[in-house]
Amino acid sequence: MNEIWDVVNSLAKKLDSHFQQSDELRWTVQALKLQEEAGEVAEAVIGALGANPRKGYSHDWDDVRKETCDVALSALVMLARMGGDPRWFFEEHVRAVAERTIAAVPAGDHE
């Protein structure tokens, strides 16, 4: 897992060195990049379903998986660009979500 965070932090540093604007502007651009990647997931799903009559079956479900990975990576890079310890913040958030989700499951349904 450290390897993933090494890549995430390296990407964040490279992007920050390339686009030297205010923190808020860099974060805004990264949020827009995240939205762009989410749109690519939608495009891939439409293509995998053949739902666009002009393009037909232009993608497959592996394309959807790859685009989904791009969304996840872009989100982690955004966390890294926002400063602090992105790994700690992400892991704490996952723990909180897991606790809420598991707590919401009625007893006996955990199996």
C-alpha atoms as a PDB file:
ATOM      1  CA  MET A   1       0.000   0.000   0.000  1.00  0.00           C
ATOM      2  CA  ASN A   2       2.920   2.372   0.588  1.00  0.00           C
ATOM      3  CA  GLU A   3       3.754   2.090  -3.103  1.00  0.00           C
ATOM      4  CA  ILE A   4       0.344   3.479  -4.055  1.00  0.00           C
ATOM      5  CA  TRP A   5       0.762   6.455  -1.751  1.00  0.00           C
ATOM      6  CA  ASP A   6       4.274   7.053  -3.108  1.00  0.00           C
ATOM      7  CA  VAL A   7       2.772   7.313  -6.595  1.00  0.00           C
ATOM      8  CA  VAL A   8      -0.113   9.503  -5.388  1.00  0.00           C
ATOM      9  CA  ASN A   9       2.244  11.896  -3.589  1.00  0.00           C
ATOM     10  CA  SER A  10       4.620  12.015  -6.567  1.00  0.00           C
ATOM     11  CA  LEU A  11       1.762  12.853  -8.928  1.00  0.00           C
ATOM     12  CA  ALA A  12       0.523  15.563  -6.581  1.00  0.00           C
ATOM     13  CA  LYS A  13       3.986  17.134  -6.341  1.00  0.00           C
ATOM     14  CA  LYS A  14       4.458  17.025 -10.103  1.00  0.00           C
ATOM     15  CA  LEU A  15       1.082  18.663 -10.719  1.00  0.00           C
ATOM     16  CA  ASP A  16       1.731  21.317  -8.077  1.00  0.00           C
ATOM     17  CA  SER A  17       5.111  22.154  -9.586  1.00  0.00           C
ATOM     18  CA  HIS A  18       3.519  22.504 -13.019  1.00  0.00           C
ATOM     19  CA  PHE A  19       0.572  24.668 -11.924  1.00  0.00           C
ATOM     20  CA  GLN A  20       1.830  27.184  -9.379  1.00  0.00           C
ATOM     21  CA  GLN A  21      -1.337  29.023  -8.419  1.00  0.00           C
ATOM     22  CA  SER A  22      -3.096  29.546  -5.098  1.00  0.00           C
ATOM     23  CA  ASP A  23      -4.012  26.455  -3.117  1.00  0.00           C
ATOM     24  CA  GLU A  24      -7.710  27.018  -3.725  1.00  0.00           C
ATOM     25  CA  LEU A  25      -7.235  27.295  -7.496  1.00  0.00           C
ATOM     26  CA  ARG A  26      -5.107  24.125  -7.662  1.00  0.00           C
ATOM     27  CA  TRP A  27      -7.710  22.246  -5.603  1.00  0.00           C
ATOM     28  CA  THR A  28     -10.479  23.572  -7.838  1.00  0.00           C
ATOM     29  CA  VAL A  29      -8.671  22.404 -10.964  1.00  0.00           C
ATOM     30  CA  GLN A  30      -8.137  18.979  -9.379  1.00  0.00           C
ATOM     31  CA  ALA A  31     -11.854  18.803  -8.498  1.00  0.00           C
ATOM     32  CA  LEU A  32     -12.645  19.562 -12.136  1.00  0.00           C
ATOM     33  CA  LYS A  33     -10.226  16.816 -13.199  1.00  0.00           C
ATOM     34  CA  LEU A  34     -12.025  14.422 -10.860  1.00  0.00           C
ATOM     35  CA  GLN A  35     -15.349  15.344 -12.476  1.00  0.00           C
ATOM     36  CA  GLU A  36     -13.827  14.890 -15.933  1.00  0.00           C
ATOM     37  CA  GLU A  37     -12.708  11.382 -14.987  1.00  0.00           C
ATOM     38  CA  ALA A  38     -16.178  10.562 -13.613  1.00  0.00           C
ATOM     39  CA  GLY A  39     -17.611  11.625 -16.963  1.00  0.00           C
ATOM     40  CA  GLU A  40     -15.270   9.174 -18.656  1.00  0.00           C
ATOM     41  CA  VAL A  41     -16.683   6.384 -16.470  1.00  0.00           C
ATOM     42  CA  ALA A  42     -20.176   7.358 -17.625  1.00  0.00           C
ATOM     43  CA  GLU A  43     -19.041   7.405 -21.252  1.00  0.00           C
ATOM     44  CA  ALA A  44     -17.479   3.949 -20.873  1.00  0.00           C
ATOM     45  CA  VAL A  45     -20.646   2.530 -19.270  1.00  0.00           C
ATOM     46  CA  ILE A  46     -22.773   3.923 -22.094  1.00  0.00           C
ATOM     47  CA  GLY A  47     -20.311   2.398 -24.568  1.00  0.00           C
ATOM     48  CA  ALA A  48     -20.277  -0.962 -22.786  1.00  0.00           C
ATOM     49  CA  LEU A  49     -24.074  -1.060 -22.952  1.00  0.00           C
ATOM     50  CA  GLY A  50     -24.139   0.075 -26.578  1.00  0.00           C
ATOM     51  CA  ALA A  51     -26.606   2.765 -25.504  1.00  0.00           C
ATOM     52  CA  ASN A  52     -25.369   5.455 -27.896  1.00  0.00           C
ATOM     53  CA  PRO A  53     -26.772   4.607 -31.337  1.00  0.00           C
ATOM     54  CA  ARG A  54     -24.112   6.742 -33.018  1.00  0.00           C
ATOM     55  CA  LYS A  55     -21.190   4.905 -31.361  1.00  0.00           C
ATOM     56  CA  GLY A  56     -22.629   1.453 -30.582  1.00  0.00           C
ATOM     57  CA  TYR A  57     -20.508  -0.830 -28.399  1.00  0.00           C
ATOM     58  CA  SER A  58     -17.486   1.470 -28.144  1.00  0.00           C
ATOM     59  CA  HIS A  59     -16.228   0.218 -24.746  1.00  0.00           C
ATOM     60  CA  ASP A  60     -16.171  -2.926 -22.652  1.00  0.00           C
ATOM     61  CA  TRP A  61     -16.414  -3.468 -18.897  1.00  0.00           C
ATOM     62  CA  ASP A  62     -12.620  -3.497 -18.543  1.00  0.00           C
ATOM     63  CA  ASP A  63     -12.691   0.063 -19.927  1.00  0.00           C
ATOM     64  CA  VAL A  64     -15.193   0.932 -17.193  1.00  0.00           C
ATOM     65  CA  ARG A  65     -12.882  -0.579 -14.574  1.00  0.00           C
ATOM     66  CA  LYS A  66      -9.907   1.403 -15.900  1.00  0.00           C
ATOM     67  CA  GLU A  67     -11.854   4.654 -15.920  1.00  0.00           C
ATOM     68  CA  THR A  68     -13.065   3.934 -12.382  1.00  0.00           C
ATOM     69  CA  CYS A  69      -9.443   3.505 -11.311  1.00  0.00           C
ATOM     70  CA  ASP A  70      -8.681   6.902 -12.865  1.00  0.00           C
ATOM     71  CA  VAL A  71     -11.458   8.422 -10.719  1.00  0.00           C
ATOM     72  CA  ALA A  72     -10.059   6.813  -7.569  1.00  0.00           C
ATOM     73  CA  LEU A  73      -6.519   7.935  -8.376  1.00  0.00           C
ATOM     74  CA  SER A  74      -7.641  11.482  -9.162  1.00  0.00           C
ATOM     75  CA  ALA A  75      -9.476  11.634  -5.834  1.00  0.00           C
ATOM     76  CA  LEU A  76      -6.425  10.446  -3.909  1.00  0.00           C
ATOM     77  CA  VAL A  77      -4.228  12.949  -5.753  1.00  0.00           C
ATOM     78  CA  MET A  78      -6.673  15.687  -4.795  1.00  0.00           C
ATOM     79  CA  LEU A  79      -6.367  14.661  -1.134  1.00  0.00           C
ATOM     80  CA  ALA A  80      -2.573  14.780  -1.437  1.00  0.00           C
ATOM     81  CA  ARG A  81      -2.652  18.194  -3.106  1.00  0.00           C
ATOM     82  CA  MET A  82      -4.744  19.563  -0.245  1.00  0.00           C
ATOM     83  CA  GLY A  83      -1.921  18.998   2.239  1.00  0.00           C
ATOM     84  CA  GLY A  84      -1.665  17.211   5.524  1.00  0.00           C
ATOM     85  CA  ASP A  85      -1.379  13.436   5.567  1.00  0.00           C
ATOM     86  CA  PRO A  86      -3.695  12.174   2.827  1.00  0.00           C
ATOM     87  CA  ARG A  87      -3.204   8.533   3.741  1.00  0.00           C
ATOM     88  CA  TRP A  88      -4.189   9.122   7.377  1.00  0.00           C
ATOM     89  CA  PHE A  89      -7.184  11.238   6.362  1.00  0.00           C
ATOM     90  CA  PHE A  90      -8.399   8.638   3.855  1.00  0.00           C
ATOM     91  CA  GLU A  91      -7.941   5.707   6.226  1.00  0.00           C
ATOM     92  CA  GLU A  92      -9.735   7.550   9.041  1.00  0.00           C
ATOM     93  CA  HIS A  93     -12.606   8.346   6.696  1.00  0.00           C
ATOM     94  CA  VAL A  94     -12.855   4.716   5.547  1.00  0.00           C
ATOM     95  CA  ARG A  95     -12.925   3.587   9.188  1.00  0.00           C
ATOM     96  CA  ALA A  96     -15.719   6.062  10.003  1.00  0.00           C
ATOM     97  CA  VAL A  97     -17.757   4.964   6.996  1.00  0.00           C
ATOM     98  CA  ALA A  98     -17.235   1.310   7.888  1.00  0.00           C
ATOM     99  CA  GLU A  99     -18.344   1.917  11.469  1.00  0.00           C
ATOM    100  CA  ARG A 100     -21.503   3.715  10.323  1.00  0.00           C
ATOM    101  CA  THR A 101     -22.280   1.069   7.731  1.00  0.00           C
ATOM    102  CA  ILE A 102     -21.677  -1.904   9.998  1.00  0.00           C
ATOM    103  CA  ALA A 103     -23.610  -0.220  12.820  1.00  0.00           C
ATOM    104  CA  ALA A 104     -26.566   0.246  10.434  1.00  0.00           C
ATOM    105  CA  VAL A 105     -26.757  -3.476   9.617  1.00  0.00           C
ATOM    106  CA  PRO A 106     -29.221  -5.285  11.908  1.00  0.00           C
ATOM    107  CA  ALA A 107     -27.726  -7.870  14.292  1.00  0.00           C
ATOM    108  CA  GLY A 108     -27.463 -11.271  12.661  1.00  0.00           C
ATOM    109  CA  ASP A 109     -26.997  -9.814   9.177  1.00  0.00           C
ATOM    110  CA  HIS A 110     -23.207  -9.506   9.569  1.00  0.00           C
ATOM    111  CA  GLU A 111     -22.563 -13.045   8.387  1.00  0.00           C
END
